[in-house]
Amino acid sequence: VQLQASGGGLVQAGGSLRLSCAWATSGRTFSSYAVAWFRRAPGKEREFVAAFRWSGGSTRYTDSVKGRFAISRDNAKNTVYLQMNGLKPEDTAGYYCAARVGWSVYYTSSASYGYWGRGTLVTVSS
């Protein structure tokens, strides 16, 4: 599985960004996978942000982003998006997309995901 995140940048507090995660897999079909976004702020551990079940579209969000972030997909482009609205300085972090086979709302630890892409940096100024 290969994943490539993009779309990060510098934005003022209250602004929006949309991150993209283009991914590809060989062997298993896309429907077998869940794709998630994690982030790591400076000096902090990596934390779960949101996850998406490719088959059926189930989602899971961490509490701090509920109502502000939305995860979605484009089947034709094999891409998962993270729409981030109402950004806050505390959202500043490197954002990473990850994938795993299988879905559960309990798969929120980074150790649960075996496939990772390179991150994209989001900086929110106050």
N, C-alpha and C. Protein backbone atom coordinates (compact mmCIF):
# COMPACT_ATOMS: atom_id res chain seq x y z
N VAL A 1 0.86 -1.19 0.00
CA VAL A 1 0.00 0.00 0.00
C VAL A 1 0.89 1.23 0.00
N GLN A 2 0.56 2.15 -0.87
CA GLN A 2 1.30 3.41 -0.95
C GLN A 2 0.35 4.57 -0.71
N LEU A 3 0.76 5.51 0.12
CA LEU A 3 -0.06 6.67 0.44
C LEU A 3 0.76 7.93 0.28
N GLN A 4 0.11 8.98 -0.20
CA GLN A 4 0.79 10.26 -0.39
C GLN A 4 -0.14 11.37 0.07
N ALA A 5 0.26 12.06 1.13
CA ALA A 5 -0.54 13.17 1.66
C ALA A 5 -0.07 14.48 1.05
N SER A 6 -1.02 15.40 0.87
CA SER A 6 -0.70 16.72 0.35
C SER A 6 -1.76 17.71 0.81
N GLY A 7 -1.51 18.99 0.56
CA GLY A 7 -2.52 20.00 0.84
C GLY A 7 -2.25 20.86 2.06
N GLY A 8 -1.18 20.59 2.77
CA GLY A 8 -0.87 21.40 3.94
C GLY A 8 -0.44 22.80 3.56
N GLY A 9 -0.35 23.67 4.57
CA GLY A 9 0.06 25.03 4.31
C GLY A 9 -0.11 25.90 5.54
N LEU A 10 0.02 27.18 5.31
CA LEU A 10 -0.14 28.17 6.38
C LEU A 10 -1.50 28.84 6.23
N VAL A 11 -2.25 28.89 7.32
CA VAL A 11 -3.59 29.49 7.29
C VAL A 11 -3.82 30.22 8.60
N GLN A 12 -4.64 31.25 8.55
CA GLN A 12 -4.98 31.98 9.76
C GLN A 12 -6.03 31.23 10.56
N ALA A 13 -6.08 31.49 11.83
CA ALA A 13 -7.09 30.89 12.69
C ALA A 13 -8.48 31.20 12.14
N GLY A 14 -9.33 30.19 12.14
CA GLY A 14 -10.66 30.32 11.58
C GLY A 14 -10.75 29.93 10.12
N GLY A 15 -9.62 29.76 9.48
CA GLY A 15 -9.60 29.41 8.07
C GLY A 15 -9.78 27.93 7.82
N SER A 16 -9.65 27.54 6.55
CA SER A 16 -9.88 26.16 6.13
C SER A 16 -8.75 25.66 5.25
N LEU A 17 -8.57 24.36 5.29
CA LEU A 17 -7.66 23.66 4.39
C LEU A 17 -8.28 22.31 4.07
N ARG A 18 -7.94 21.78 2.91
CA ARG A 18 -8.34 20.41 2.58
C ARG A 18 -7.09 19.60 2.28
N LEU A 19 -6.89 18.59 3.08
CA LEU A 19 -5.78 17.67 2.85
C LEU A 19 -6.25 16.52 1.97
N SER A 20 -5.33 16.02 1.16
CA SER A 20 -5.62 14.89 0.29
C SER A 20 -4.66 13.75 0.60
N CYS A 21 -5.17 12.55 0.50
CA CYS A 21 -4.34 11.36 0.65
C CYS A 21 -4.63 10.45 -0.54
N ALA A 22 -3.72 10.46 -1.49
CA ALA A 22 -3.86 9.57 -2.64
C ALA A 22 -3.21 8.25 -2.29
N TRP A 23 -3.92 7.17 -2.54
CA TRP A 23 -3.36 5.89 -2.15
C TRP A 23 -3.62 4.82 -3.18
N ALA A 24 -2.79 3.79 -3.14
CA ALA A 24 -2.88 2.68 -4.08
C ALA A 24 -2.53 1.39 -3.36
N THR A 25 -3.16 0.33 -3.81
CA THR A 25 -2.89 -0.97 -3.21
C THR A 25 -2.87 -2.03 -4.28
N SER A 26 -2.11 -3.05 -4.05
CA SER A 26 -2.08 -4.20 -4.96
C SER A 26 -2.55 -5.41 -4.19
N GLY A 27 -3.22 -6.29 -4.86
CA GLY A 27 -3.69 -7.48 -4.17
C GLY A 27 -5.09 -7.29 -3.63
N ARG A 28 -5.21 -6.84 -2.41
CA ARG A 28 -6.52 -6.64 -1.79
C ARG A 28 -7.28 -5.49 -2.45
N THR A 29 -8.60 -5.57 -2.44
CA THR A 29 -9.39 -4.49 -2.98
C THR A 29 -9.47 -3.35 -1.96
N PHE A 30 -9.80 -2.17 -2.47
CA PHE A 30 -9.90 -1.01 -1.61
C PHE A 30 -10.93 -1.23 -0.50
N SER A 31 -11.97 -1.99 -0.78
CA SER A 31 -13.04 -2.16 0.19
C SER A 31 -12.57 -2.84 1.47
N SER A 32 -11.39 -3.46 1.43
CA SER A 32 -10.87 -4.15 2.60
C SER A 32 -10.24 -3.21 3.62
N TYR A 33 -10.04 -1.97 3.22
CA TYR A 33 -9.21 -1.07 4.00
C TYR A 33 -9.97 0.02 4.74
N ALA A 34 -9.30 0.51 5.78
CA ALA A 34 -9.68 1.75 6.43
C ALA A 34 -8.51 2.72 6.28
N VAL A 35 -8.83 3.98 6.09
CA VAL A 35 -7.81 5.02 5.95
C VAL A 35 -8.02 6.04 7.06
N ALA A 36 -6.93 6.45 7.67
CA ALA A 36 -7.03 7.37 8.81
C ALA A 36 -6.07 8.53 8.65
N TRP A 37 -6.38 9.60 9.35
CA TRP A 37 -5.47 10.74 9.47
C TRP A 37 -5.00 10.82 10.92
N PHE A 38 -3.70 11.02 11.05
CA PHE A 38 -3.09 11.28 12.35
C PHE A 38 -2.34 12.61 12.26
N ARG A 39 -1.98 13.14 13.39
CA ARG A 39 -1.17 14.36 13.39
C ARG A 39 -0.19 14.32 14.55
N ARG A 40 0.92 15.04 14.35
CA ARG A 40 1.92 15.15 15.40
C ARG A 40 2.32 16.61 15.50
N ALA A 41 1.99 17.20 16.63
CA ALA A 41 2.38 18.59 16.90
C ALA A 41 3.79 18.60 17.46
N PRO A 42 4.49 19.72 17.35
CA PRO A 42 5.85 19.82 17.88
C PRO A 42 5.88 19.47 19.36
N GLY A 43 6.78 18.55 19.71
CA GLY A 43 6.93 18.17 21.10
C GLY A 43 5.86 17.26 21.65
N LYS A 44 4.96 16.79 20.81
CA LYS A 44 3.88 15.92 21.27
C LYS A 44 3.90 14.60 20.51
N GLU A 45 3.16 13.66 21.06
CA GLU A 45 3.07 12.37 20.39
C GLU A 45 2.04 12.43 19.25
N ARG A 46 2.16 11.48 18.37
CA ARG A 46 1.21 11.39 17.27
C ARG A 46 -0.17 11.06 17.81
N GLU A 47 -1.19 11.74 17.29
CA GLU A 47 -2.53 11.49 17.76
C GLU A 47 -3.49 11.24 16.60
N PHE A 48 -4.49 10.45 16.90
CA PHE A 48 -5.53 10.12 15.93
C PHE A 48 -6.40 11.35 15.66
N VAL A 49 -6.77 11.55 14.40
CA VAL A 49 -7.65 12.65 14.02
C VAL A 49 -8.98 12.11 13.51
N ALA A 50 -8.93 11.27 12.49
CA ALA A 50 -10.17 10.77 11.88
C ALA A 50 -9.86 9.51 11.09
N ALA A 51 -10.88 8.68 10.90
CA ALA A 51 -10.72 7.46 10.11
C ALA A 51 -11.94 7.26 9.24
N PHE A 52 -11.74 6.54 8.16
CA PHE A 52 -12.78 6.33 7.15
C PHE A 52 -12.75 4.90 6.68
N ARG A 53 -13.89 4.27 6.70
CA ARG A 53 -13.99 2.91 6.19
C ARG A 53 -14.33 2.96 4.70
N TRP A 54 -13.43 2.45 3.86
CA TRP A 54 -13.62 2.59 2.42
C TRP A 54 -14.92 1.93 1.96
N SER A 55 -15.24 0.81 2.52
CA SER A 55 -16.49 0.14 2.17
C SER A 55 -17.59 0.58 3.13
N GLY A 56 -18.53 1.34 2.65
CA GLY A 56 -19.64 1.76 3.49
C GLY A 56 -19.54 3.17 4.00
N GLY A 57 -18.32 3.70 4.10
CA GLY A 57 -18.16 5.10 4.45
C GLY A 57 -18.28 5.45 5.93
N SER A 58 -18.18 4.47 6.81
CA SER A 58 -18.23 4.79 8.24
C SER A 58 -17.05 5.69 8.61
N THR A 59 -17.28 6.55 9.59
CA THR A 59 -16.23 7.48 10.01
C THR A 59 -16.09 7.49 11.53
N ARG A 60 -14.93 7.98 11.96
CA ARG A 60 -14.68 8.16 13.39
C ARG A 60 -13.80 9.38 13.53
N TYR A 61 -14.11 10.25 14.49
CA TYR A 61 -13.33 11.47 14.71
C TYR A 61 -12.91 11.57 16.16
N THR A 62 -11.77 12.19 16.37
CA THR A 62 -11.41 12.50 17.74
C THR A 62 -12.26 13.69 18.19
N ASP A 63 -12.52 13.80 19.48
CA ASP A 63 -13.47 14.79 19.97
C ASP A 63 -13.08 16.22 19.61
N SER A 64 -11.80 16.51 19.59
CA SER A 64 -11.35 17.89 19.39
C SER A 64 -11.62 18.43 17.99
N VAL A 65 -11.92 17.55 17.05
CA VAL A 65 -12.16 18.02 15.68
C VAL A 65 -13.60 17.79 15.22
N LYS A 66 -14.42 17.17 16.04
CA LYS A 66 -15.81 16.93 15.66
C LYS A 66 -16.52 18.24 15.38
N GLY A 67 -17.24 18.25 14.26
CA GLY A 67 -17.95 19.47 13.86
C GLY A 67 -17.10 20.44 13.07
N ARG A 68 -15.80 20.24 13.04
CA ARG A 68 -14.91 21.12 12.27
C ARG A 68 -14.26 20.40 11.10
N PHE A 69 -13.90 19.16 11.29
CA PHE A 69 -13.23 18.37 10.25
C PHE A 69 -14.18 17.36 9.67
N ALA A 70 -13.98 17.05 8.39
CA ALA A 70 -14.79 16.02 7.74
C ALA A 70 -13.92 15.20 6.82
N ILE A 71 -14.02 13.89 6.94
CA ILE A 71 -13.24 12.98 6.10
C ILE A 71 -14.16 12.42 5.03
N SER A 72 -13.67 12.33 3.80
CA SER A 72 -14.47 11.84 2.70
C SER A 72 -13.56 11.20 1.67
N ARG A 73 -14.14 10.70 0.58
CA ARG A 73 -13.33 10.02 -0.43
C ARG A 73 -13.81 10.39 -1.83
N ASP A 74 -12.93 10.14 -2.78
CA ASP A 74 -13.26 10.22 -4.20
C ASP A 74 -12.84 8.88 -4.79
N ASN A 75 -13.82 8.05 -5.11
CA ASN A 75 -13.51 6.71 -5.62
C ASN A 75 -12.70 6.77 -6.91
N ALA A 76 -13.07 7.67 -7.80
CA ALA A 76 -12.42 7.73 -9.11
C ALA A 76 -10.95 8.10 -8.99
N LYS A 77 -10.62 8.85 -7.95
CA LYS A 77 -9.24 9.30 -7.78
C LYS A 77 -8.49 8.51 -6.72
N ASN A 78 -9.16 7.53 -6.12
CA ASN A 78 -8.54 6.77 -5.02
C ASN A 78 -7.93 7.69 -3.99
N THR A 79 -8.71 8.64 -3.57
CA THR A 79 -8.21 9.68 -2.68
C THR A 79 -9.15 9.87 -1.50
N VAL A 80 -8.56 10.04 -0.34
CA VAL A 80 -9.30 10.38 0.87
C VAL A 80 -8.96 11.81 1.24
N TYR A 81 -9.98 12.57 1.58
CA TYR A 81 -9.79 13.98 1.91
C TYR A 81 -10.05 14.22 3.40
N LEU A 82 -9.40 15.24 3.92
CA LEU A 82 -9.71 15.74 5.24
C LEU A 82 -9.98 17.23 5.11
N GLN A 83 -11.26 17.58 5.13
CA GLN A 83 -11.64 18.98 5.07
C GLN A 83 -11.58 19.55 6.48
N MET A 84 -10.77 20.57 6.64
CA MET A 84 -10.57 21.16 7.97
C MET A 84 -11.08 22.59 7.96
N ASN A 85 -12.12 22.84 8.73
CA ASN A 85 -12.70 24.16 8.86
C ASN A 85 -12.53 24.67 10.28
N GLY A 86 -12.65 25.97 10.44
CA GLY A 86 -12.53 26.53 11.79
C GLY A 86 -11.20 26.19 12.45
N LEU A 87 -10.13 26.28 11.68
CA LEU A 87 -8.83 25.86 12.20
C LEU A 87 -8.39 26.73 13.37
N LYS A 88 -7.70 26.08 14.30
CA LYS A 88 -7.20 26.73 15.50
C LYS A 88 -5.68 26.56 15.57
N PRO A 89 -4.99 27.45 16.27
CA PRO A 89 -3.53 27.28 16.39
C PRO A 89 -3.14 25.90 16.93
N GLU A 90 -3.95 25.33 17.78
CA GLU A 90 -3.62 24.01 18.33
C GLU A 90 -3.78 22.88 17.30
N ASP A 91 -4.29 23.20 16.12
CA ASP A 91 -4.34 22.21 15.05
C ASP A 91 -3.02 22.15 14.28
N THR A 92 -2.11 23.05 14.59
CA THR A 92 -0.81 23.06 13.94
C THR A 92 -0.08 21.75 14.19
N ALA A 93 0.32 21.07 13.11
CA ALA A 93 0.96 19.76 13.23
C ALA A 93 1.34 19.25 11.85
N GLY A 94 2.14 18.20 11.85
CA GLY A 94 2.33 17.42 10.63
C GLY A 94 1.20 16.42 10.56
N TYR A 95 0.53 16.35 9.43
CA TYR A 95 -0.61 15.46 9.26
C TYR A 95 -0.20 14.29 8.37
N TYR A 96 -0.57 13.09 8.80
CA TYR A 96 -0.18 11.86 8.12
C TYR A 96 -1.40 11.02 7.82
N CYS A 97 -1.43 10.42 6.64
CA CYS A 97 -2.48 9.46 6.37
C CYS A 97 -1.92 8.05 6.50
N ALA A 98 -2.77 7.16 6.94
CA ALA A 98 -2.37 5.78 7.20
C ALA A 98 -3.49 4.84 6.77
N ALA A 99 -3.16 3.59 6.56
CA ALA A 99 -4.16 2.62 6.13
C ALA A 99 -3.94 1.29 6.83
N ARG A 100 -5.01 0.54 6.93
CA ARG A 100 -4.94 -0.80 7.50
C ARG A 100 -6.04 -1.64 6.88
N VAL A 101 -5.90 -2.92 6.96
CA VAL A 101 -6.95 -3.83 6.54
C VAL A 101 -7.92 -3.99 7.69
N GLY A 102 -9.19 -3.84 7.39
CA GLY A 102 -10.20 -4.00 8.43
C GLY A 102 -10.58 -2.68 9.06
N TRP A 103 -11.78 -2.66 9.65
CA TRP A 103 -12.32 -1.44 10.24
C TRP A 103 -12.85 -1.72 11.64
N SER A 104 -12.62 -0.79 12.50
CA SER A 104 -13.26 -0.77 13.82
C SER A 104 -13.17 0.64 14.35
N VAL A 105 -14.19 1.06 15.05
CA VAL A 105 -14.14 2.39 15.66
C VAL A 105 -13.07 2.47 16.74
N TYR A 106 -12.54 1.31 17.12
CA TYR A 106 -11.52 1.28 18.17
C TYR A 106 -10.10 1.38 17.62
N TYR A 107 -9.97 1.40 16.30
CA TYR A 107 -8.63 1.49 15.70
C TYR A 107 -8.21 2.95 15.65
N THR A 108 -7.79 3.47 16.78
CA THR A 108 -7.40 4.87 16.84
C THR A 108 -5.95 5.06 17.28
N SER A 109 -5.23 4.01 17.50
CA SER A 109 -3.82 4.13 17.85
C SER A 109 -2.99 4.00 16.60
N SER A 110 -1.85 4.68 16.57
CA SER A 110 -0.99 4.60 15.39
C SER A 110 -0.48 3.18 15.18
N ALA A 111 -0.36 2.42 16.26
CA ALA A 111 0.10 1.05 16.14
C ALA A 111 -0.89 0.17 15.39
N SER A 112 -2.13 0.61 15.27
CA SER A 112 -3.15 -0.17 14.57
C SER A 112 -3.02 -0.09 13.06
N TYR A 113 -2.22 0.82 12.58
CA TYR A 113 -2.10 1.04 11.14
C TYR A 113 -0.71 0.65 10.66
N GLY A 114 -0.68 -0.15 9.62
CA GLY A 114 0.59 -0.68 9.15
C GLY A 114 1.17 0.05 7.96
N TYR A 115 0.38 0.89 7.34
CA TYR A 115 0.84 1.58 6.13
C TYR A 115 0.73 3.09 6.36
N TRP A 116 1.82 3.79 6.04
CA TRP A 116 1.90 5.22 6.31
C TRP A 116 2.45 5.97 5.11
N GLY A 117 1.95 7.17 4.92
CA GLY A 117 2.50 8.06 3.92
C GLY A 117 3.33 9.14 4.60
N ARG A 118 4.03 9.90 3.80
CA ARG A 118 4.78 11.04 4.33
C ARG A 118 3.81 12.14 4.70
N GLY A 119 4.15 12.92 5.70
CA GLY A 119 3.23 13.92 6.21
C GLY A 119 3.20 15.19 5.40
N THR A 120 2.20 16.00 5.73
CA THR A 120 2.08 17.33 5.16
C THR A 120 1.85 18.29 6.32
N LEU A 121 2.55 19.43 6.29
CA LEU A 121 2.56 20.32 7.44
C LEU A 121 1.42 21.34 7.36
N VAL A 122 0.71 21.45 8.46
CA VAL A 122 -0.36 22.45 8.61
C VAL A 122 0.05 23.40 9.72
N THR A 123 0.09 24.69 9.39
CA THR A 123 0.43 25.71 10.38
C THR A 123 -0.72 26.71 10.45
N VAL A 124 -1.24 26.89 11.66
CA VAL A 124 -2.36 27.81 11.87
C VAL A 124 -1.86 28.95 12.73
N SER A 125 -1.92 30.15 12.17
CA SER A 125 -1.45 31.32 12.90
C SER A 125 -2.60 31.98 13.65
N SER A 126 -2.29 32.57 14.78
CA SER A 126 -3.33 33.21 15.60
C SER A 126 -3.52 34.66 15.20
